[in-house]
Amino acid sequence: MKFPDELDSLCTLSIIEPIVQEVFELDCKNKLEEDFLDNLEIEDKETKVFHYARISKKNFTVGQKVLLQHSKLKFFPGKLRSRWLGPHVITKIFANGAVEIQSLKTNNTFKVNDHQLKEYRKGFQTEHIEIMYLEDPIL
């Protein structure tokens, strides 16, 4: 008759209760991790949609003047150097986003990605600028 008494002592609440509590805590922790990962995925998707909506589409045409990004820019010597080379003229546009451009200075043609180009805008006309000389104020 000792056998049932031993079994009862093994199955007391003092032994089972911490095990159940630990399993419950692990289950809660797993649910929190799943919720966190789900929220992280949703936030990533929303961030991508937000940024992709603000990327401006570049529409280039053949014969348009563009500036080419200087990709081999050295940062320390001459930091204030312009990052853009040109102007160049677009001679051909490919379907995959590549653009063939021709340099106006050297007449060399080469292919570049359209992400490395930006529209060339002429500067101000210097002919119509009025010069005003400042005088010393009279005290």
Protein backbone atom coordinates (compact mmCIF):
# COMPACT_ATOMS: atom_id res chain seq x y z
CA MET A 1 0.00 0.00 0.00
CA LYS A 2 2.95 2.29 -0.02
CA PHE A 3 2.88 2.62 -3.75
CA PRO A 4 -0.19 4.90 -4.02
CA ASP A 5 1.12 7.11 -1.21
CA GLU A 6 4.39 7.60 -3.06
CA LEU A 7 2.54 8.42 -6.25
CA ASP A 8 0.41 10.96 -4.43
CA SER A 9 3.47 12.59 -2.96
CA LEU A 10 5.05 12.87 -6.45
CA CYS A 11 1.96 14.51 -7.89
CA THR A 12 1.50 17.14 -5.26
CA LEU A 13 0.81 20.71 -6.33
CA SER A 14 4.13 21.91 -5.00
CA ILE A 15 5.96 19.96 -7.72
CA ILE A 16 3.51 20.38 -10.61
CA GLU A 17 2.74 24.06 -10.08
CA PRO A 18 6.24 25.43 -10.96
CA ILE A 19 6.37 23.24 -14.08
CA VAL A 20 2.98 24.48 -15.26
CA GLN A 21 4.01 28.06 -14.46
CA GLU A 22 7.24 27.69 -16.47
CA VAL A 23 5.39 26.20 -19.47
CA PHE A 24 2.87 29.06 -19.30
CA GLU A 25 5.65 31.67 -19.18
CA LEU A 26 7.43 30.07 -22.16
CA ASP A 27 4.18 30.02 -24.11
CA CYS A 28 3.58 33.70 -23.33
CA LYS A 29 7.15 34.54 -24.32
CA ASN A 30 6.77 32.72 -27.64
CA LYS A 31 3.52 34.57 -28.36
CA LEU A 32 5.17 37.90 -27.59
CA GLU A 33 8.07 37.07 -29.91
CA GLU A 34 5.67 36.08 -32.70
CA ASP A 35 3.71 39.31 -32.25
CA PHE A 36 6.92 41.32 -32.27
CA LEU A 37 8.14 39.66 -35.50
CA ASP A 38 4.74 40.15 -37.16
CA ASN A 39 4.74 43.84 -36.23
CA LEU A 40 8.32 44.18 -37.47
CA GLU A 41 7.40 42.69 -40.87
CA ILE A 42 4.41 45.01 -41.19
CA GLU A 43 6.54 48.04 -40.31
CA ASP A 44 9.21 47.02 -42.84
CA LYS A 45 6.61 46.70 -45.60
CA GLU A 46 5.08 50.08 -44.75
CA THR A 47 8.52 51.72 -44.70
CA LYS A 48 9.38 50.29 -48.11
CA VAL A 49 6.08 51.49 -49.58
CA PHE A 50 6.66 54.95 -48.08
CA HIS A 51 10.18 55.27 -49.52
CA TYR A 52 9.40 53.76 -52.92
CA ALA A 53 6.50 56.19 -53.33
CA ARG A 54 8.89 59.12 -52.90
CA ILE A 55 11.49 57.98 -55.43
CA SER A 56 11.19 60.25 -58.43
CA LYS A 57 11.02 58.58 -61.79
CA LYS A 58 13.58 59.88 -64.26
CA ASN A 59 12.30 60.16 -67.79
CA PHE A 60 15.10 60.83 -70.23
CA THR A 61 14.77 61.41 -73.97
CA VAL A 62 17.25 61.05 -76.80
CA GLY A 63 19.10 64.32 -77.37
CA GLN A 64 18.60 65.55 -73.80
CA LYS A 65 21.59 66.98 -71.94
CA VAL A 66 22.45 65.21 -68.68
CA LEU A 67 25.13 65.22 -65.99
CA LEU A 68 26.99 62.02 -65.06
CA GLN A 69 27.75 61.20 -61.43
CA HIS A 70 31.49 61.03 -60.75
CA SER A 71 31.72 57.57 -59.15
CA LYS A 72 35.47 57.62 -58.49
CA LEU A 73 35.30 60.69 -56.30
CA LYS A 74 38.11 60.90 -53.78
CA PHE A 75 36.72 62.35 -50.57
CA PHE A 76 39.78 63.88 -48.95
CA PRO A 77 41.76 65.59 -51.69
CA GLY A 78 39.56 68.37 -53.07
CA LYS A 79 36.47 67.65 -51.00
CA LEU A 80 34.61 70.56 -52.54
CA ARG A 81 34.91 69.17 -56.04
CA SER A 82 31.68 68.66 -57.97
CA ARG A 83 30.25 65.15 -58.00
CA TRP A 84 28.82 65.61 -61.49
CA LEU A 85 30.58 65.50 -64.85
CA GLY A 86 29.24 66.86 -68.06
CA PRO A 87 27.15 67.87 -69.79
CA HIS A 88 26.61 64.79 -71.92
CA VAL A 89 24.00 64.10 -74.60
CA ILE A 90 21.84 60.97 -74.58
CA THR A 91 22.20 59.04 -77.82
CA LYS A 92 20.27 55.83 -77.05
CA ILE A 93 18.01 54.52 -74.29
CA PHE A 94 17.77 50.78 -73.58
CA ALA A 95 14.80 48.95 -72.03
CA ASN A 96 16.76 47.66 -69.02
CA GLY A 97 17.55 51.15 -67.71
CA ALA A 98 20.92 51.54 -69.42
CA VAL A 99 21.58 54.76 -71.30
CA GLU A 100 24.19 55.47 -73.95
CA ILE A 101 25.61 58.97 -73.62
CA GLN A 102 28.11 61.00 -75.60
CA SER A 103 30.48 63.52 -74.08
CA LEU A 104 30.28 67.00 -75.59
CA LYS A 105 33.98 67.65 -74.85
CA THR A 106 35.57 64.44 -76.15
CA ASN A 107 32.77 62.91 -78.30
CA ASN A 108 33.30 59.53 -76.59
CA THR A 109 30.20 57.35 -76.19
CA PHE A 110 29.62 54.90 -73.36
CA LYS A 111 26.80 53.12 -71.51
CA VAL A 112 25.80 53.98 -67.96
CA ASN A 113 22.93 53.19 -65.64
CA ASP A 114 20.18 55.81 -65.56
CA HIS A 115 20.56 56.11 -61.76
CA GLN A 116 23.92 57.82 -62.37
CA LEU A 117 22.38 60.59 -64.44
CA LYS A 118 20.52 63.77 -63.66
CA GLU A 119 19.01 66.43 -65.87
CA TYR A 120 21.32 69.24 -66.95
CA ARG A 121 19.96 72.71 -66.26
CA LYS A 122 21.61 75.81 -67.63
CA GLY A 123 22.79 78.45 -65.19
CA PHE A 124 21.65 82.05 -64.99
CA GLN A 125 22.11 84.41 -67.90
CA THR A 126 24.96 86.74 -66.99
CA GLU A 127 24.01 89.38 -69.57
CA HIS A 128 21.08 90.80 -67.58
CA ILE A 129 22.70 91.06 -64.17
CA GLU A 130 22.79 94.57 -62.72
CA ILE A 131 25.77 95.47 -60.57
CA MET A 132 25.19 97.73 -57.59
CA TYR A 133 28.12 99.17 -55.69
CA LEU A 134 27.65 99.80 -52.00
CA GLU A 135 28.70 103.12 -50.54
CA ASP A 136 30.01 103.81 -47.07
CA PRO A 137 27.28 105.13 -44.80
CA ILE A 138 27.53 108.78 -43.78
CA LEU A 139 27.67 109.24 -40.02
